[in-house]
Amino acid sequence: MQIIHKYFPDLSEKQIKQFTALQELYEHWNSQINVISRRTISELYLHHVLHSLSIAKVIAFEKGTKILDIGTGGGFPGIPLAMLFPQADFLLVDSIGKKIKVVDEVISAIGLSNVRTMHERSEKINEKFDFVVSRAVTNMTDFKKWVKGKFNKKHSNKLKNGILYLKGGDLSEELRGISHTKYDISDFFTEDFFETKKVIYIGY
């Protein structure tokens, strides 16, 4: 939890309680339904929570912003972002029902009221959003097909509506021909884990 406080020192008491509760909750649920790699559960705050929050170093979502998290898995990046931005609205989607079950339990336990979940394939979601977030669920060409037609035309944030995608490694081939902005997470967080990790932004 200290690592979250290091980079986000202005958390409210409620947010501190919510973030602090995550380790025990995920250890409990992960022992029953594997949603986080067993070898990284001890590094939950570094590998999963802080990684998710790197998006918050690129954009601070305004009140009423609608965000879709595709392939949320255990709730990343959606749950940490929803905790940090309680005035924004999140829909967390995964095609695997047991993962959504864990997400629902975590949301309920920490009292998140700005999050909905759906056990569904992203192509079947019939709503409009300001931003779509995700953490390396597929290559960008396919991902862009999944989110086609899902963006609101009205922009209410400092960045235009679009994709905010967490991914690591050499992305030059994957992103060839796709207009994007690349943010090095190592510019925000100094830990070695983030050395090759990026936030990819594609505006719509």
N, C-alpha and C. Protein backbone atom coordinates (compact mmCIF):
# COMPACT_ATOMS: atom_id res chain seq x y z
N MET A 1 0.83 -1.21 0.00
CA MET A 1 0.00 0.00 0.00
C MET A 1 0.87 1.27 0.00
N GLN A 2 2.06 1.18 0.63
CA GLN A 2 2.94 2.36 0.70
C GLN A 2 3.29 2.88 -0.69
N ILE A 3 3.41 1.95 -1.63
CA ILE A 3 3.81 2.36 -2.98
C ILE A 3 2.70 3.18 -3.66
N ILE A 4 1.46 2.92 -3.32
CA ILE A 4 0.36 3.71 -3.87
C ILE A 4 0.40 5.11 -3.27
N HIS A 5 0.63 5.17 -1.98
CA HIS A 5 0.70 6.46 -1.28
C HIS A 5 1.88 7.29 -1.78
N LYS A 6 2.94 6.62 -2.16
CA LYS A 6 4.14 7.31 -2.67
C LYS A 6 3.80 8.17 -3.89
N TYR A 7 3.00 7.62 -4.78
CA TYR A 7 2.69 8.32 -6.03
C TYR A 7 1.34 9.03 -6.02
N PHE A 8 0.49 8.67 -5.06
CA PHE A 8 -0.84 9.30 -4.94
C PHE A 8 -1.04 9.71 -3.48
N PRO A 9 -0.36 10.79 -3.06
CA PRO A 9 -0.35 11.17 -1.64
C PRO A 9 -1.64 11.84 -1.17
N ASP A 10 -2.53 12.20 -2.08
CA ASP A 10 -3.72 12.97 -1.71
C ASP A 10 -4.99 12.12 -1.60
N LEU A 11 -4.84 10.84 -1.34
CA LEU A 11 -6.01 9.98 -1.22
C LEU A 11 -6.83 10.34 0.00
N SER A 12 -8.15 10.18 -0.11
CA SER A 12 -9.04 10.39 1.04
C SER A 12 -8.94 9.20 1.99
N GLU A 13 -9.48 9.35 3.18
CA GLU A 13 -9.49 8.22 4.14
C GLU A 13 -10.22 7.03 3.56
N LYS A 14 -11.33 7.30 2.89
CA LYS A 14 -12.11 6.22 2.28
C LYS A 14 -11.28 5.49 1.23
N GLN A 15 -10.58 6.23 0.38
CA GLN A 15 -9.75 5.61 -0.66
C GLN A 15 -8.62 4.79 -0.05
N ILE A 16 -8.00 5.31 1.00
CA ILE A 16 -6.93 4.57 1.68
C ILE A 16 -7.45 3.24 2.21
N LYS A 17 -8.63 3.26 2.81
CA LYS A 17 -9.24 2.02 3.32
C LYS A 17 -9.52 1.05 2.18
N GLN A 18 -10.04 1.58 1.07
CA GLN A 18 -10.36 0.73 -0.07
C GLN A 18 -9.10 0.09 -0.65
N PHE A 19 -8.09 0.88 -0.88
CA PHE A 19 -6.84 0.33 -1.43
C PHE A 19 -6.20 -0.67 -0.46
N THR A 20 -6.22 -0.36 0.82
CA THR A 20 -5.62 -1.24 1.82
C THR A 20 -6.31 -2.60 1.84
N ALA A 21 -7.61 -2.61 1.60
CA ALA A 21 -8.38 -3.86 1.67
C ALA A 21 -8.08 -4.83 0.53
N LEU A 22 -7.49 -4.34 -0.54
CA LEU A 22 -7.34 -5.15 -1.75
C LEU A 22 -6.49 -6.39 -1.56
N GLN A 23 -5.38 -6.28 -0.82
CA GLN A 23 -4.47 -7.43 -0.69
C GLN A 23 -5.19 -8.64 -0.10
N GLU A 24 -5.86 -8.44 1.02
CA GLU A 24 -6.57 -9.55 1.68
C GLU A 24 -7.69 -10.09 0.80
N LEU A 25 -8.42 -9.19 0.16
CA LEU A 25 -9.53 -9.62 -0.70
C LEU A 25 -9.04 -10.47 -1.87
N TYR A 26 -7.99 -10.01 -2.54
CA TYR A 26 -7.50 -10.76 -3.70
C TYR A 26 -6.82 -12.06 -3.29
N GLU A 27 -6.15 -12.06 -2.16
CA GLU A 27 -5.56 -13.32 -1.69
C GLU A 27 -6.67 -14.34 -1.40
N HIS A 28 -7.75 -13.88 -0.79
CA HIS A 28 -8.87 -14.76 -0.47
C HIS A 28 -9.51 -15.33 -1.75
N TRP A 29 -9.88 -14.45 -2.67
CA TRP A 29 -10.58 -14.91 -3.87
C TRP A 29 -9.67 -15.63 -4.84
N ASN A 30 -8.41 -15.22 -4.89
CA ASN A 30 -7.48 -15.87 -5.81
C ASN A 30 -7.19 -17.32 -5.43
N SER A 31 -7.32 -17.61 -4.14
CA SER A 31 -7.11 -19.00 -3.69
C SER A 31 -8.25 -19.91 -4.16
N GLN A 32 -9.40 -19.30 -4.51
CA GLN A 32 -10.56 -20.08 -4.97
C GLN A 32 -10.72 -20.03 -6.48
N ILE A 33 -10.53 -18.85 -7.04
CA ILE A 33 -10.68 -18.65 -8.49
C ILE A 33 -9.45 -17.87 -8.95
N ASN A 34 -8.64 -18.49 -9.77
CA ASN A 34 -7.36 -17.88 -10.14
C ASN A 34 -7.56 -16.74 -11.15
N VAL A 35 -7.54 -15.49 -10.65
CA VAL A 35 -7.67 -14.34 -11.55
C VAL A 35 -6.38 -13.54 -11.66
N ILE A 36 -5.44 -13.82 -10.77
CA ILE A 36 -4.13 -13.16 -10.78
C ILE A 36 -3.08 -14.26 -10.69
N SER A 37 -2.02 -14.12 -11.46
CA SER A 37 -0.95 -15.12 -11.41
C SER A 37 -0.49 -15.31 -9.97
N ARG A 38 -0.41 -16.58 -9.55
CA ARG A 38 -0.02 -16.88 -8.15
C ARG A 38 1.35 -16.29 -7.80
N ARG A 39 2.22 -16.21 -8.79
CA ARG A 39 3.57 -15.70 -8.49
C ARG A 39 3.60 -14.18 -8.35
N THR A 40 2.52 -13.49 -8.77
CA THR A 40 2.53 -12.03 -8.64
C THR A 40 1.56 -11.51 -7.57
N ILE A 41 0.82 -12.41 -6.91
CA ILE A 41 -0.16 -11.94 -5.93
C ILE A 41 0.51 -11.19 -4.77
N SER A 42 1.75 -11.60 -4.44
CA SER A 42 2.46 -10.91 -3.35
C SER A 42 2.90 -9.51 -3.78
N GLU A 43 2.93 -9.27 -5.08
CA GLU A 43 3.29 -7.95 -5.62
C GLU A 43 2.06 -7.25 -6.19
N LEU A 44 0.92 -7.51 -5.57
CA LEU A 44 -0.35 -6.99 -6.08
C LEU A 44 -0.31 -5.49 -6.33
N TYR A 45 0.21 -4.73 -5.36
CA TYR A 45 0.17 -3.27 -5.47
C TYR A 45 1.08 -2.75 -6.57
N LEU A 46 2.22 -3.39 -6.77
CA LEU A 46 3.15 -2.96 -7.81
C LEU A 46 2.69 -3.42 -9.20
N HIS A 47 2.46 -4.73 -9.34
CA HIS A 47 2.21 -5.33 -10.65
C HIS A 47 0.81 -5.06 -11.19
N HIS A 48 -0.14 -4.85 -10.31
CA HIS A 48 -1.53 -4.76 -10.76
C HIS A 48 -2.17 -3.40 -10.43
N VAL A 49 -2.10 -2.99 -9.16
CA VAL A 49 -2.78 -1.75 -8.76
C VAL A 49 -2.06 -0.52 -9.32
N LEU A 50 -0.76 -0.40 -9.04
CA LEU A 50 -0.03 0.78 -9.52
C LEU A 50 0.05 0.80 -11.05
N HIS A 51 0.23 -0.38 -11.63
CA HIS A 51 0.25 -0.46 -13.10
C HIS A 51 -1.05 0.10 -13.68
N SER A 52 -2.18 -0.29 -13.09
CA SER A 52 -3.48 0.24 -13.53
C SER A 52 -3.54 1.75 -13.39
N LEU A 53 -2.99 2.26 -12.31
CA LEU A 53 -3.08 3.69 -12.02
C LEU A 53 -2.15 4.55 -12.88
N SER A 54 -1.31 3.91 -13.67
CA SER A 54 -0.47 4.70 -14.59
C SER A 54 -1.34 5.49 -15.56
N ILE A 55 -2.52 4.97 -15.86
CA ILE A 55 -3.47 5.71 -16.72
C ILE A 55 -3.84 7.05 -16.08
N ALA A 56 -3.89 7.08 -14.75
CA ALA A 56 -4.24 8.31 -14.03
C ALA A 56 -3.13 9.35 -14.10
N LYS A 57 -1.94 8.96 -14.54
CA LYS A 57 -0.85 9.92 -14.75
C LYS A 57 -0.94 10.54 -16.15
N VAL A 58 -1.77 9.94 -17.00
CA VAL A 58 -1.99 10.45 -18.35
C VAL A 58 -3.23 11.34 -18.40
N ILE A 59 -4.26 10.95 -17.62
CA ILE A 59 -5.52 11.69 -17.64
C ILE A 59 -6.20 11.60 -16.28
N ALA A 60 -6.79 12.70 -15.84
CA ALA A 60 -7.66 12.71 -14.66
C ALA A 60 -9.09 12.79 -15.18
N PHE A 61 -9.84 11.70 -15.04
CA PHE A 61 -11.19 11.65 -15.60
C PHE A 61 -12.10 12.67 -14.91
N GLU A 62 -12.82 13.44 -15.72
CA GLU A 62 -13.76 14.42 -15.20
C GLU A 62 -15.02 13.73 -14.68
N LYS A 63 -15.76 14.46 -13.86
CA LYS A 63 -17.03 13.95 -13.32
C LYS A 63 -17.96 13.53 -14.47
N GLY A 64 -18.54 12.35 -14.33
CA GLY A 64 -19.49 11.87 -15.32
C GLY A 64 -18.88 11.16 -16.52
N THR A 65 -17.55 11.08 -16.58
CA THR A 65 -16.89 10.37 -17.68
C THR A 65 -17.28 8.90 -17.65
N LYS A 66 -17.61 8.35 -18.82
CA LYS A 66 -17.98 6.93 -18.92
C LYS A 66 -16.81 6.13 -19.47
N ILE A 67 -16.41 5.09 -18.73
CA ILE A 67 -15.24 4.31 -19.08
C ILE A 67 -15.60 2.83 -19.15
N LEU A 68 -15.19 2.19 -20.23
CA LEU A 68 -15.39 0.75 -20.43
C LEU A 68 -14.04 0.05 -20.27
N ASP A 69 -13.98 -0.95 -19.39
CA ASP A 69 -12.78 -1.77 -19.21
C ASP A 69 -13.05 -3.13 -19.86
N ILE A 70 -12.36 -3.40 -20.96
CA ILE A 70 -12.55 -4.64 -21.73
C ILE A 70 -11.53 -5.69 -21.29
N GLY A 71 -12.03 -6.91 -21.03
CA GLY A 71 -11.15 -7.99 -20.58
C GLY A 71 -10.56 -7.68 -19.22
N THR A 72 -11.43 -7.25 -18.32
CA THR A 72 -10.97 -6.74 -17.01
C THR A 72 -10.29 -7.80 -16.15
N GLY A 73 -10.55 -9.09 -16.42
CA GLY A 73 -9.91 -10.14 -15.62
C GLY A 73 -10.32 -10.04 -14.17
N GLY A 74 -9.36 -9.80 -13.30
CA GLY A 74 -9.64 -9.64 -11.88
C GLY A 74 -10.08 -8.23 -11.50
N GLY A 75 -10.28 -7.36 -12.51
CA GLY A 75 -10.72 -6.00 -12.23
C GLY A 75 -9.67 -4.93 -12.50
N PHE A 76 -8.74 -5.24 -13.40
CA PHE A 76 -7.66 -4.30 -13.71
C PHE A 76 -7.66 -3.95 -15.19
N PRO A 77 -7.55 -2.66 -15.50
CA PRO A 77 -7.30 -1.53 -14.61
C PRO A 77 -8.53 -0.89 -13.97
N GLY A 78 -9.73 -1.43 -14.22
CA GLY A 78 -10.96 -0.75 -13.85
C GLY A 78 -11.14 -0.45 -12.37
N ILE A 79 -10.91 -1.44 -11.50
CA ILE A 79 -11.19 -1.21 -10.07
C ILE A 79 -10.29 -0.13 -9.46
N PRO A 80 -8.96 -0.18 -9.63
CA PRO A 80 -8.14 0.90 -9.07
C PRO A 80 -8.51 2.28 -9.62
N LEU A 81 -8.82 2.35 -10.91
CA LEU A 81 -9.20 3.64 -11.50
C LEU A 81 -10.54 4.13 -10.94
N ALA A 82 -11.47 3.21 -10.74
CA ALA A 82 -12.78 3.58 -10.17
C ALA A 82 -12.64 4.08 -8.74
N MET A 83 -11.70 3.52 -8.00
CA MET A 83 -11.44 3.99 -6.64
C MET A 83 -10.85 5.39 -6.65
N LEU A 84 -9.96 5.63 -7.60
CA LEU A 84 -9.29 6.93 -7.67
C LEU A 84 -10.22 8.03 -8.21
N PHE A 85 -11.16 7.64 -9.09
CA PHE A 85 -12.07 8.60 -9.72
C PHE A 85 -13.52 8.24 -9.41
N PRO A 86 -13.97 8.48 -8.17
CA PRO A 86 -15.32 8.07 -7.77
C PRO A 86 -16.43 8.83 -8.50
N GLN A 87 -16.10 9.94 -9.16
CA GLN A 87 -17.11 10.72 -9.88
C GLN A 87 -17.28 10.26 -11.33
N ALA A 88 -16.45 9.30 -11.76
CA ALA A 88 -16.57 8.74 -13.12
C ALA A 88 -17.33 7.42 -13.05
N ASP A 89 -17.87 6.98 -14.18
CA ASP A 89 -18.69 5.76 -14.23
C ASP A 89 -17.98 4.68 -15.04
N PHE A 90 -17.88 3.49 -14.46
CA PHE A 90 -17.12 2.40 -15.07
C PHE A 90 -18.00 1.19 -15.35
N LEU A 91 -17.77 0.58 -16.51
CA LEU A 91 -18.35 -0.73 -16.82
C LEU A 91 -17.19 -1.69 -17.07
N LEU A 92 -17.11 -2.75 -16.26
CA LEU A 92 -16.05 -3.74 -16.35
C LEU A 92 -16.61 -5.00 -17.00
N VAL A 93 -15.98 -5.41 -18.09
CA VAL A 93 -16.51 -6.50 -18.90
C VAL A 93 -15.46 -7.61 -19.06
N ASP A 94 -15.92 -8.85 -18.94
CA ASP A 94 -15.05 -9.98 -19.25
C ASP A 94 -15.92 -11.12 -19.79
N SER A 95 -15.35 -11.91 -20.70
CA SER A 95 -16.10 -13.02 -21.29
C SER A 95 -16.08 -14.26 -20.41
N ILE A 96 -15.29 -14.21 -19.31
CA ILE A 96 -15.19 -15.36 -18.40
C ILE A 96 -15.96 -15.04 -17.12
N GLY A 97 -17.05 -15.79 -16.90
CA GLY A 97 -17.97 -15.49 -15.81
C GLY A 97 -17.36 -15.55 -14.43
N LYS A 98 -16.45 -16.52 -14.19
CA LYS A 98 -15.89 -16.65 -12.84
C LYS A 98 -15.00 -15.46 -12.47
N LYS A 99 -14.41 -14.81 -13.49
CA LYS A 99 -13.61 -13.61 -13.21
C LYS A 99 -14.53 -12.46 -12.80
N ILE A 100 -15.66 -12.32 -13.48
CA ILE A 100 -16.63 -11.29 -13.11
C ILE A 100 -17.17 -11.53 -11.71
N LYS A 101 -17.31 -12.79 -11.33
CA LYS A 101 -17.76 -13.12 -9.95
C LYS A 101 -16.80 -12.53 -8.92
N VAL A 102 -15.50 -12.70 -9.15
CA VAL A 102 -14.49 -12.14 -8.24
C VAL A 102 -14.57 -10.61 -8.23
N VAL A 103 -14.67 -10.03 -9.41
CA VAL A 103 -14.78 -8.56 -9.52
C VAL A 103 -15.98 -8.06 -8.73
N ASP A 104 -17.12 -8.73 -8.88
CA ASP A 104 -18.34 -8.34 -8.14
C ASP A 104 -18.12 -8.41 -6.63
N GLU A 105 -17.44 -9.45 -6.18
CA GLU A 105 -17.19 -9.61 -4.74
C GLU A 105 -16.27 -8.51 -4.21
N VAL A 106 -15.25 -8.17 -4.97
CA VAL A 106 -14.32 -7.11 -4.54
C VAL A 106 -15.04 -5.76 -4.51
N ILE A 107 -15.80 -5.47 -5.56
CA ILE A 107 -16.56 -4.21 -5.63
C ILE A 107 -17.50 -4.08 -4.43
N SER A 108 -18.19 -5.16 -4.12
CA SER A 108 -19.13 -5.16 -2.99
C SER A 108 -18.41 -4.96 -1.67
N ALA A 109 -17.28 -5.65 -1.50
CA ALA A 109 -16.55 -5.60 -0.22
C ALA A 109 -15.99 -4.22 0.09
N ILE A 110 -15.54 -3.50 -0.96
CA ILE A 110 -14.94 -2.19 -0.71
C ILE A 110 -15.94 -1.05 -0.92
N GLY A 111 -17.18 -1.40 -1.31
CA GLY A 111 -18.23 -0.39 -1.41
C GLY A 111 -18.07 0.57 -2.56
N LEU A 112 -17.72 0.04 -3.74
CA LEU A 112 -17.62 0.90 -4.93
C LEU A 112 -19.00 1.05 -5.55
N SER A 113 -19.47 2.27 -5.66
CA SER A 113 -20.83 2.50 -6.18
C SER A 113 -20.83 3.03 -7.61
N ASN A 114 -19.65 3.24 -8.18
CA ASN A 114 -19.57 3.82 -9.53
C ASN A 114 -19.14 2.79 -10.58
N VAL A 115 -19.35 1.50 -10.26
CA VAL A 115 -18.90 0.42 -11.14
C VAL A 115 -20.04 -0.55 -11.42
N ARG A 116 -20.21 -0.89 -12.71
CA ARG A 116 -21.07 -2.00 -13.10
C ARG A 116 -20.20 -3.07 -13.73
N THR A 117 -20.70 -4.29 -13.77
CA THR A 117 -19.96 -5.36 -14.42
C THR A 117 -20.88 -6.08 -15.41
N MET A 118 -20.26 -6.77 -16.35
CA MET A 118 -21.02 -7.53 -17.33
C MET A 118 -20.20 -8.74 -17.79
N HIS A 119 -20.84 -9.91 -17.73
CA HIS A 119 -20.22 -11.12 -18.27
C HIS A 119 -20.63 -11.19 -19.73
N GLU A 120 -19.74 -10.68 -20.61
CA GLU A 120 -20.12 -10.55 -22.02
C GLU A 120 -18.88 -10.35 -22.87
N ARG A 121 -18.99 -10.65 -24.13
CA ARG A 121 -17.93 -10.30 -25.08
C ARG A 121 -18.06 -8.82 -25.43
N SER A 122 -16.92 -8.17 -25.61
CA SER A 122 -16.94 -6.72 -25.82
C SER A 122 -17.74 -6.31 -27.05
N GLU A 123 -17.74 -7.16 -28.08
CA GLU A 123 -18.47 -6.83 -29.30
C GLU A 123 -19.97 -6.71 -29.07
N LYS A 124 -20.46 -7.33 -28.00
CA LYS A 124 -21.91 -7.34 -27.73
C LYS A 124 -22.35 -6.13 -26.88
N ILE A 125 -21.41 -5.33 -26.42
CA ILE A 125 -21.76 -4.17 -25.59
C ILE A 125 -22.35 -3.08 -26.47
N ASN A 126 -23.58 -2.69 -26.17
CA ASN A 126 -24.29 -1.73 -27.01
C ASN A 126 -24.44 -0.38 -26.33
N GLU A 127 -23.35 0.18 -25.87
CA GLU A 127 -23.38 1.48 -25.20
C GLU A 127 -22.26 2.35 -25.78
N LYS A 128 -22.34 3.63 -25.46
CA LYS A 128 -21.29 4.57 -25.87
C LYS A 128 -20.49 5.01 -24.64
N PHE A 129 -19.20 5.21 -24.84
CA PHE A 129 -18.30 5.57 -23.74
C PHE A 129 -17.38 6.70 -24.18
N ASP A 130 -16.77 7.34 -23.18
CA ASP A 130 -15.75 8.35 -23.47
C ASP A 130 -14.39 7.70 -23.69
N PHE A 131 -14.09 6.71 -22.84
CA PHE A 131 -12.80 6.02 -22.95
C PHE A 131 -12.98 4.52 -22.80
N VAL A 132 -12.14 3.78 -23.51
CA VAL A 132 -12.04 2.34 -23.32
C VAL A 132 -10.64 2.05 -22.79
N VAL A 133 -10.55 1.36 -21.67
CA VAL A 133 -9.26 0.99 -21.08
C VAL A 133 -9.10 -0.52 -21.14
N SER A 134 -7.85 -0.96 -21.15
CA SER A 134 -7.60 -2.40 -21.16
C SER A 134 -6.13 -2.66 -20.87
N ARG A 135 -5.86 -3.92 -20.51
CA ARG A 135 -4.49 -4.29 -20.18
C ARG A 135 -4.08 -5.50 -21.03
N ALA A 136 -3.55 -5.19 -22.22
CA ALA A 136 -2.91 -6.20 -23.07
C ALA A 136 -3.76 -7.44 -23.31
N VAL A 137 -5.02 -7.25 -23.71
CA VAL A 137 -5.88 -8.42 -23.94
C VAL A 137 -5.70 -9.01 -25.34
N THR A 138 -5.25 -8.19 -26.30
CA THR A 138 -5.03 -8.69 -27.65
C THR A 138 -4.19 -7.65 -28.40
N ASN A 139 -3.90 -7.91 -29.68
CA ASN A 139 -3.15 -6.92 -30.45
C ASN A 139 -4.06 -5.75 -30.80
N MET A 140 -3.43 -4.62 -31.09
CA MET A 140 -4.20 -3.39 -31.24
C MET A 140 -5.13 -3.41 -32.46
N THR A 141 -4.74 -4.07 -33.53
CA THR A 141 -5.60 -4.14 -34.71
C THR A 141 -6.93 -4.79 -34.36
N ASP A 142 -6.88 -5.91 -33.66
CA ASP A 142 -8.12 -6.59 -33.25
C ASP A 142 -8.88 -5.77 -32.22
N PHE A 143 -8.14 -5.17 -31.30
CA PHE A 143 -8.79 -4.38 -30.24
C PHE A 143 -9.58 -3.22 -30.85
N LYS A 144 -9.02 -2.58 -31.84
CA LYS A 144 -9.72 -1.46 -32.49
C LYS A 144 -11.04 -1.92 -33.12
N LYS A 145 -11.06 -3.14 -33.64
CA LYS A 145 -12.31 -3.70 -34.19
C LYS A 145 -13.33 -3.91 -33.08
N TRP A 146 -12.87 -4.37 -31.92
CA TRP A 146 -13.78 -4.62 -30.79
C TRP A 146 -14.48 -3.35 -30.33
N VAL A 147 -13.77 -2.23 -30.39
CA VAL A 147 -14.31 -0.98 -29.81
C VAL A 147 -14.96 -0.07 -30.85
N LYS A 148 -15.00 -0.51 -32.09
CA LYS A 148 -15.56 0.32 -33.15
C LYS A 148 -17.00 0.72 -32.83
N GLY A 149 -17.28 2.02 -32.97
CA GLY A 149 -18.63 2.52 -32.74
C GLY A 149 -19.03 2.68 -31.29
N LYS A 150 -18.07 2.55 -30.37
CA LYS A 150 -18.41 2.60 -28.94
C LYS A 150 -18.09 3.95 -28.27
N PHE A 151 -17.71 4.96 -29.06
CA PHE A 151 -17.27 6.21 -28.44
C PHE A 151 -18.31 7.33 -28.58
N ASN A 152 -18.48 8.07 -27.49
CA ASN A 152 -19.30 9.28 -27.54
C ASN A 152 -18.64 10.31 -28.44
N LYS A 153 -19.45 11.10 -29.11
CA LYS A 153 -18.89 12.14 -29.98
C LYS A 153 -18.51 13.40 -29.19
N LYS A 154 -19.18 13.62 -28.07
CA LYS A 154 -18.88 14.82 -27.26
C LYS A 154 -17.70 14.53 -26.34
N HIS A 155 -16.74 15.44 -26.33
CA HIS A 155 -15.53 15.28 -25.51
C HIS A 155 -15.61 16.19 -24.29
N SER A 156 -15.35 15.64 -23.11
CA SER A 156 -15.45 16.46 -21.89
C SER A 156 -14.20 16.35 -21.01
N ASN A 157 -13.13 15.75 -21.54
CA ASN A 157 -11.87 15.63 -20.80
C ASN A 157 -10.75 16.35 -21.55
N LYS A 158 -9.60 16.46 -20.92
CA LYS A 158 -8.47 17.16 -21.56
C LYS A 158 -7.98 16.40 -22.78
N LEU A 159 -8.06 15.08 -22.74
CA LEU A 159 -7.79 14.27 -23.92
C LEU A 159 -9.09 14.00 -24.64
N LYS A 160 -9.03 13.92 -25.97
CA LYS A 160 -10.21 13.49 -26.72
C LYS A 160 -10.56 12.06 -26.33
N ASN A 161 -11.83 11.72 -26.46
CA ASN A 161 -12.26 10.35 -26.17
C ASN A 161 -11.42 9.36 -26.97
N GLY A 162 -11.21 8.17 -26.38
CA GLY A 162 -10.40 7.20 -27.09
C GLY A 162 -9.99 6.01 -26.23
N ILE A 163 -8.99 5.29 -26.73
CA ILE A 163 -8.44 4.09 -26.09
C ILE A 163 -7.27 4.48 -25.20
N LEU A 164 -7.21 3.90 -24.01
CA LEU A 164 -6.04 3.98 -23.13
C LEU A 164 -5.65 2.54 -22.80
N TYR A 165 -4.53 2.11 -23.36
CA TYR A 165 -4.19 0.68 -23.38
C TYR A 165 -2.84 0.45 -22.70
N LEU A 166 -2.81 -0.47 -21.76
CA LEU A 166 -1.57 -0.79 -21.05
C LEU A 166 -0.88 -1.97 -21.73
N LYS A 167 0.37 -1.76 -22.13
CA LYS A 167 1.10 -2.84 -22.79
C LYS A 167 2.60 -2.63 -22.64
N GLY A 168 3.37 -3.72 -22.72
CA GLY A 168 4.82 -3.63 -22.56
C GLY A 168 5.56 -4.13 -23.78
N GLY A 169 6.88 -3.93 -23.76
CA GLY A 169 7.74 -4.45 -24.82
C GLY A 169 7.79 -3.55 -26.04
N ASP A 170 8.33 -4.10 -27.12
CA ASP A 170 8.48 -3.36 -28.37
C ASP A 170 7.16 -3.40 -29.14
N LEU A 171 6.54 -2.25 -29.29
CA LEU A 171 5.21 -2.18 -29.91
C LEU A 171 5.24 -1.59 -31.31
N SER A 172 6.45 -1.35 -31.84
CA SER A 172 6.57 -0.62 -33.11
C SER A 172 5.85 -1.34 -34.26
N GLU A 173 5.98 -2.66 -34.33
CA GLU A 173 5.34 -3.42 -35.40
C GLU A 173 3.81 -3.41 -35.24
N GLU A 174 3.37 -3.66 -33.99
CA GLU A 174 1.94 -3.74 -33.71
C GLU A 174 1.22 -2.43 -33.99
N LEU A 175 1.92 -1.31 -33.74
CA LEU A 175 1.27 -0.01 -33.87
C LEU A 175 1.57 0.68 -35.20
N ARG A 176 2.26 -0.03 -36.09
CA ARG A 176 2.59 0.55 -37.39
C ARG A 176 1.31 0.94 -38.14
N GLY A 177 1.24 2.17 -38.60
CA GLY A 177 0.08 2.63 -39.35
C GLY A 177 -1.10 3.06 -38.49
N ILE A 178 -0.95 2.97 -37.16
CA ILE A 178 -2.02 3.39 -36.25
C ILE A 178 -1.60 4.69 -35.57
N SER A 179 -2.36 5.74 -35.76
CA SER A 179 -2.04 7.02 -35.14
C SER A 179 -2.23 6.91 -33.63
N HIS A 180 -1.19 7.20 -32.84
CA HIS A 180 -1.25 6.99 -31.39
C HIS A 180 -0.25 7.89 -30.68
N THR A 181 -0.41 7.98 -29.37
CA THR A 181 0.57 8.62 -28.49
C THR A 181 1.02 7.58 -27.48
N LYS A 182 2.33 7.50 -27.27
CA LYS A 182 2.89 6.49 -26.38
C LYS A 182 3.48 7.18 -25.15
N TYR A 183 3.06 6.76 -23.97
CA TYR A 183 3.58 7.30 -22.71
C TYR A 183 4.39 6.20 -22.01
N ASP A 184 5.65 6.49 -21.71
CA ASP A 184 6.48 5.54 -20.96
C ASP A 184 6.09 5.60 -19.49
N ILE A 185 5.66 4.48 -18.93
CA ILE A 185 5.26 4.46 -17.52
C ILE A 185 6.46 4.73 -16.62
N SER A 186 7.66 4.42 -17.11
CA SER A 186 8.88 4.69 -16.32
C SER A 186 9.09 6.19 -16.09
N ASP A 187 8.40 7.03 -16.87
CA ASP A 187 8.45 8.48 -16.63
C ASP A 187 7.62 8.87 -15.40
N PHE A 188 6.68 8.00 -15.02
CA PHE A 188 5.81 8.27 -13.87
C PHE A 188 6.27 7.54 -12.61
N PHE A 189 6.69 6.29 -12.78
CA PHE A 189 7.05 5.42 -11.66
C PHE A 189 8.47 4.90 -11.87
N THR A 190 9.29 4.93 -10.82
CA THR A 190 10.73 4.63 -10.98
C THR A 190 11.07 3.14 -10.83
N GLU A 191 10.13 2.32 -10.39
CA GLU A 191 10.42 0.91 -10.14
C GLU A 191 10.80 0.18 -11.45
N ASP A 192 11.74 -0.76 -11.35
CA ASP A 192 12.25 -1.49 -12.53
C ASP A 192 11.14 -2.19 -13.31
N PHE A 193 10.09 -2.61 -12.60
CA PHE A 193 8.99 -3.34 -13.22
C PHE A 193 8.41 -2.58 -14.42
N PHE A 194 8.47 -1.25 -14.36
CA PHE A 194 7.82 -0.42 -15.38
C PHE A 194 8.74 -0.02 -16.53
N GLU A 195 9.94 -0.55 -16.54
CA GLU A 195 10.96 -0.10 -17.49
C GLU A 195 10.50 -0.13 -18.96
N THR A 196 9.80 -1.20 -19.35
CA THR A 196 9.40 -1.34 -20.76
C THR A 196 7.89 -1.15 -20.95
N LYS A 197 7.19 -0.73 -19.90
CA LYS A 197 5.73 -0.68 -19.97
C LYS A 197 5.24 0.70 -20.43
N LYS A 198 4.14 0.68 -21.16
CA LYS A 198 3.63 1.90 -21.79
C LYS A 198 2.12 2.05 -21.57
N VAL A 199 1.67 3.31 -21.66
CA VAL A 199 0.24 3.59 -21.87
C VAL A 199 0.13 4.07 -23.32
N ILE A 200 -0.69 3.37 -24.10
CA ILE A 200 -0.92 3.76 -25.49
C ILE A 200 -2.28 4.47 -25.56
N TYR A 201 -2.26 5.68 -26.11
CA TYR A 201 -3.49 6.45 -26.27
C TYR A 201 -3.81 6.59 -27.76
N ILE A 202 -5.04 6.27 -28.11
CA ILE A 202 -5.52 6.44 -29.48
C ILE A 202 -6.81 7.26 -29.41
N GLY A 203 -6.79 8.44 -29.95
CA GLY A 203 -7.95 9.32 -29.90
C GLY A 203 -8.96 9.00 -31.00
N TYR A 204 -10.22 9.29 -30.71
CA TYR A 204 -11.32 9.05 -31.68
C TYR A 204 -12.09 10.33 -31.94
